[in-house]
Amino acid sequence: MKNRSKSVAIASPSLIAGQQLLQLMMTLLILLLATACNTQKDTTTTAQRPSTQQARGERPSIDEIFAMDANQDGKLDKSEIKGPLLRDFDRVDSDSDGFITRTELENAPRPPRGQGPRNNK
């Protein structure tokens, strides 16, 4: 009777270390992706978020309005404006040059009391 020995596959220590390294890298990749996805949830800029004043229905400050100045040229054109100011653009643009400056906004006629920003719900 011949003595047949069964061959047993034994993983070398380097193979085991490689598998563990691969598992570790996959775990880190999953965590990195999960973190990136969580970070992307709120991409709203500060200029797009309503301020506390706006949330209460009050007129925004001039600085808050000029946060819409996308090209940072110190004046607002119609393409940069949203909300009630767009509706009143021609009234506020006192020199009719197609831009609203800080001075024009500071000197703009105020809505009568009790007729502040409309809540379009």
C-alpha atoms as a PDB file:
ATOM      1  CA  MET A   1       0.000   0.000   0.000  1.00  0.00           C
ATOM      2  CA  LYS A   2       1.387   3.302  -1.063  1.00  0.00           C
ATOM      3  CA  ASN A   3       1.545   6.075   1.418  1.00  0.00           C
ATOM      4  CA  ARG A   4      -0.307   8.962  -0.091  1.00  0.00           C
ATOM      5  CA  SER A   5       0.022  12.135   1.800  1.00  0.00           C
ATOM      6  CA  LYS A   6      -2.640  14.699   1.420  1.00  0.00           C
ATOM      7  CA  SER A   7      -1.380  18.079   0.442  1.00  0.00           C
ATOM      8  CA  VAL A   8      -2.662  20.824   2.628  1.00  0.00           C
ATOM      9  CA  ALA A   9      -2.554  24.352   1.309  1.00  0.00           C
ATOM     10  CA  ILE A  10      -0.977  26.556   3.869  1.00  0.00           C
ATOM     11  CA  ALA A  11      -1.114  30.253   3.225  1.00  0.00           C
ATOM     12  CA  SER A  12       2.183  31.967   3.527  1.00  0.00           C
ATOM     13  CA  PRO A  13       2.498  34.826   6.008  1.00  0.00           C
ATOM     14  CA  SER A  14       2.963  37.293   3.145  1.00  0.00           C
ATOM     15  CA  LEU A  15      -0.324  36.178   1.551  1.00  0.00           C
ATOM     16  CA  ILE A  16      -2.180  36.646   4.827  1.00  0.00           C
ATOM     17  CA  ALA A  17      -0.597  40.078   5.328  1.00  0.00           C
ATOM     18  CA  GLY A  18      -1.574  41.031   1.768  1.00  0.00           C
ATOM     19  CA  GLN A  19      -5.189  40.005   2.324  1.00  0.00           C
ATOM     20  CA  GLN A  20      -5.354  41.957   5.574  1.00  0.00           C
ATOM     21  CA  LEU A  21      -3.857  44.986   3.868  1.00  0.00           C
ATOM     22  CA  LEU A  22      -6.433  44.715   1.092  1.00  0.00           C
ATOM     23  CA  GLN A  23      -9.263  44.509   3.641  1.00  0.00           C
ATOM     24  CA  LEU A  24      -7.881  47.528   5.467  1.00  0.00           C
ATOM     25  CA  MET A  25      -7.628  49.517   2.247  1.00  0.00           C
ATOM     26  CA  MET A  26     -11.202  48.604   1.267  1.00  0.00           C
ATOM     27  CA  THR A  27     -12.463  49.644   4.696  1.00  0.00           C
ATOM     28  CA  LEU A  28     -10.651  52.980   4.443  1.00  0.00           C
ATOM     29  CA  LEU A  29     -12.033  53.539   0.945  1.00  0.00           C
ATOM     30  CA  ILE A  30     -15.586  52.907   2.140  1.00  0.00           C
ATOM     31  CA  LEU A  31     -15.114  55.319   5.055  1.00  0.00           C
ATOM     32  CA  LEU A  32     -13.653  57.947   2.745  1.00  0.00           C
ATOM     33  CA  LEU A  33     -16.577  57.649   0.329  1.00  0.00           C
ATOM     34  CA  ALA A  34     -19.116  57.777   3.143  1.00  0.00           C
ATOM     35  CA  THR A  35     -17.470  60.914   4.525  1.00  0.00           C
ATOM     36  CA  ALA A  36     -17.400  62.555   1.099  1.00  0.00           C
ATOM     37  CA  CYS A  37     -21.089  61.792   0.542  1.00  0.00           C
ATOM     38  CA  ASN A  38     -22.002  63.215   3.945  1.00  0.00           C
ATOM     39  CA  THR A  39     -20.018  66.383   3.237  1.00  0.00           C
ATOM     40  CA  GLN A  40     -21.881  66.908  -0.050  1.00  0.00           C
ATOM     41  CA  LYS A  41     -25.318  66.960   1.619  1.00  0.00           C
ATOM     42  CA  ASP A  42     -25.312  70.702   2.317  1.00  0.00           C
ATOM     43  CA  THR A  43     -23.669  72.557  -0.531  1.00  0.00           C
ATOM     44  CA  THR A  44     -25.709  75.708   0.023  1.00  0.00           C
ATOM     45  CA  THR A  45     -23.498  78.747   0.340  1.00  0.00           C
ATOM     46  CA  THR A  46     -23.980  81.323   3.041  1.00  0.00           C
ATOM     47  CA  ALA A  47     -25.254  83.767   0.413  1.00  0.00           C
ATOM     48  CA  GLN A  48     -28.009  81.310  -0.557  1.00  0.00           C
ATOM     49  CA  ARG A  49     -29.188  80.609   2.981  1.00  0.00           C
ATOM     50  CA  PRO A  50     -31.819  82.902   4.399  1.00  0.00           C
ATOM     51  CA  SER A  51     -30.534  84.994   7.256  1.00  0.00           C
ATOM     52  CA  THR A  52     -32.261  85.177  10.617  1.00  0.00           C
ATOM     53  CA  GLN A  53     -33.743  88.511   9.513  1.00  0.00           C
ATOM     54  CA  GLN A  54     -35.115  87.009   6.315  1.00  0.00           C
ATOM     55  CA  ALA A  55     -36.506  84.020   8.186  1.00  0.00           C
ATOM     56  CA  ARG A  56     -38.449  86.469  10.384  1.00  0.00           C
ATOM     57  CA  GLY A  57     -39.692  88.354   7.312  1.00  0.00           C
ATOM     58  CA  GLU A  58     -37.446  91.383   7.846  1.00  0.00           C
ATOM     59  CA  ARG A  59     -35.565  93.205   5.119  1.00  0.00           C
ATOM     60  CA  PRO A  60     -32.047  91.771   4.597  1.00  0.00           C
ATOM     61  CA  SER A  61     -29.040  93.975   5.264  1.00  0.00           C
ATOM     62  CA  ILE A  62     -27.132  95.591   2.404  1.00  0.00           C
ATOM     63  CA  ASP A  63     -24.216  93.206   3.062  1.00  0.00           C
ATOM     64  CA  GLU A  64     -26.581  90.238   2.790  1.00  0.00           C
ATOM     65  CA  ILE A  65     -27.970  91.588  -0.472  1.00  0.00           C
ATOM     66  CA  PHE A  66     -24.493  92.195  -1.891  1.00  0.00           C
ATOM     67  CA  ALA A  67     -23.574  88.601  -1.099  1.00  0.00           C
ATOM     68  CA  MET A  68     -25.420  87.944  -4.389  1.00  0.00           C
ATOM     69  CA  ASP A  69     -22.677  89.866  -6.277  1.00  0.00           C
ATOM     70  CA  ALA A  70     -21.371  86.768  -8.055  1.00  0.00           C
ATOM     71  CA  ASN A  71     -18.578  88.496  -9.975  1.00  0.00           C
ATOM     72  CA  GLN A  72     -17.551  90.658  -6.995  1.00  0.00           C
ATOM     73  CA  ASP A  73     -17.568  93.887  -9.018  1.00  0.00           C
ATOM     74  CA  GLY A  74     -19.307  95.872  -6.272  1.00  0.00           C
ATOM     75  CA  LYS A  75     -22.588  96.238  -8.151  1.00  0.00           C
ATOM     76  CA  LEU A  76     -25.548  94.005  -8.890  1.00  0.00           C
ATOM     77  CA  ASP A  77     -27.037  93.339 -12.298  1.00  0.00           C
ATOM     78  CA  LYS A  78     -30.364  91.602 -12.952  1.00  0.00           C
ATOM     79  CA  SER A  79     -28.738  88.213 -13.536  1.00  0.00           C
ATOM     80  CA  GLU A  80     -27.277  88.255 -10.009  1.00  0.00           C
ATOM     81  CA  ILE A  81     -30.464  89.194  -8.168  1.00  0.00           C
ATOM     82  CA  LYS A  82     -33.245  87.000  -6.819  1.00  0.00           C
ATOM     83  CA  GLY A  83     -36.397  87.700  -4.876  1.00  0.00           C
ATOM     84  CA  PRO A  84     -38.296  90.959  -4.372  1.00  0.00           C
ATOM     85  CA  LEU A  85     -35.314  93.125  -5.322  1.00  0.00           C
ATOM     86  CA  LEU A  86     -35.503  91.746  -8.861  1.00  0.00           C
ATOM     87  CA  ARG A  87     -39.127  92.880  -9.080  1.00  0.00           C
ATOM     88  CA  ASP A  88     -38.123  96.400  -7.934  1.00  0.00           C
ATOM     89  CA  PHE A  89     -34.838  96.536  -9.868  1.00  0.00           C
ATOM     90  CA  ASP A  90     -35.777  99.459 -12.141  1.00  0.00           C
ATOM     91  CA  ARG A  91     -37.060 101.514  -9.217  1.00  0.00           C
ATOM     92  CA  VAL A  92     -33.839 100.972  -7.213  1.00  0.00           C
ATOM     93  CA  ASP A  93     -31.513 101.501 -10.215  1.00  0.00           C
ATOM     94  CA  SER A  94     -31.937 105.273 -10.026  1.00  0.00           C
ATOM     95  CA  ASP A  95     -29.459 106.130 -12.812  1.00  0.00           C
ATOM     96  CA  SER A  96     -30.854 103.399 -15.125  1.00  0.00           C
ATOM     97  CA  ASP A  97     -27.397 102.016 -15.958  1.00  0.00           C
ATOM     98  CA  GLY A  98     -28.485  98.391 -15.476  1.00  0.00           C
ATOM     99  CA  PHE A  99     -26.680  98.002 -12.141  1.00  0.00           C
ATOM    100  CA  ILE A 100     -27.573  98.569  -8.506  1.00  0.00           C
ATOM    101  CA  THR A 101     -24.786 100.065  -6.414  1.00  0.00           C
ATOM    102  CA  ARG A 102     -24.574 100.172  -2.633  1.00  0.00           C
ATOM    103  CA  THR A 103     -25.437 103.876  -2.715  1.00  0.00           C
ATOM    104  CA  GLU A 104     -28.538 103.227  -4.819  1.00  0.00           C
ATOM    105  CA  LEU A 105     -29.586 100.450  -2.470  1.00  0.00           C
ATOM    106  CA  GLU A 106     -29.025 102.637   0.605  1.00  0.00           C
ATOM    107  CA  ASN A 107     -31.148 105.390  -0.977  1.00  0.00           C
ATOM    108  CA  ALA A 108     -33.838 103.034  -2.314  1.00  0.00           C
ATOM    109  CA  PRO A 109     -37.409 103.794  -1.269  1.00  0.00           C
ATOM    110  CA  ARG A 110     -38.493 101.631   1.638  1.00  0.00           C
ATOM    111  CA  PRO A 111     -41.768  99.720   1.428  1.00  0.00           C
ATOM    112  CA  PRO A 112     -44.512 101.207   3.630  1.00  0.00           C
ATOM    113  CA  ARG A 113     -44.707  99.831   7.163  1.00  0.00           C
ATOM    114  CA  GLY A 114     -46.388  96.447   7.266  1.00  0.00           C
ATOM    115  CA  GLN A 115     -45.507  95.762   3.636  1.00  0.00           C
ATOM    116  CA  GLY A 116     -42.067  94.274   4.076  1.00  0.00           C
ATOM    117  CA  PRO A 117     -40.804  91.277   2.105  1.00  0.00           C
ATOM    118  CA  ARG A 118     -43.585  88.993   0.995  1.00  0.00           C
ATOM    119  CA  ASN A 119     -43.663  85.417   2.151  1.00  0.00           C
ATOM    120  CA  ASN A 120     -44.421  83.379  -0.958  1.00  0.00           C
ATOM    121  CA  LYS A 121     -45.453  80.130   0.629  1.00  0.00           C
END
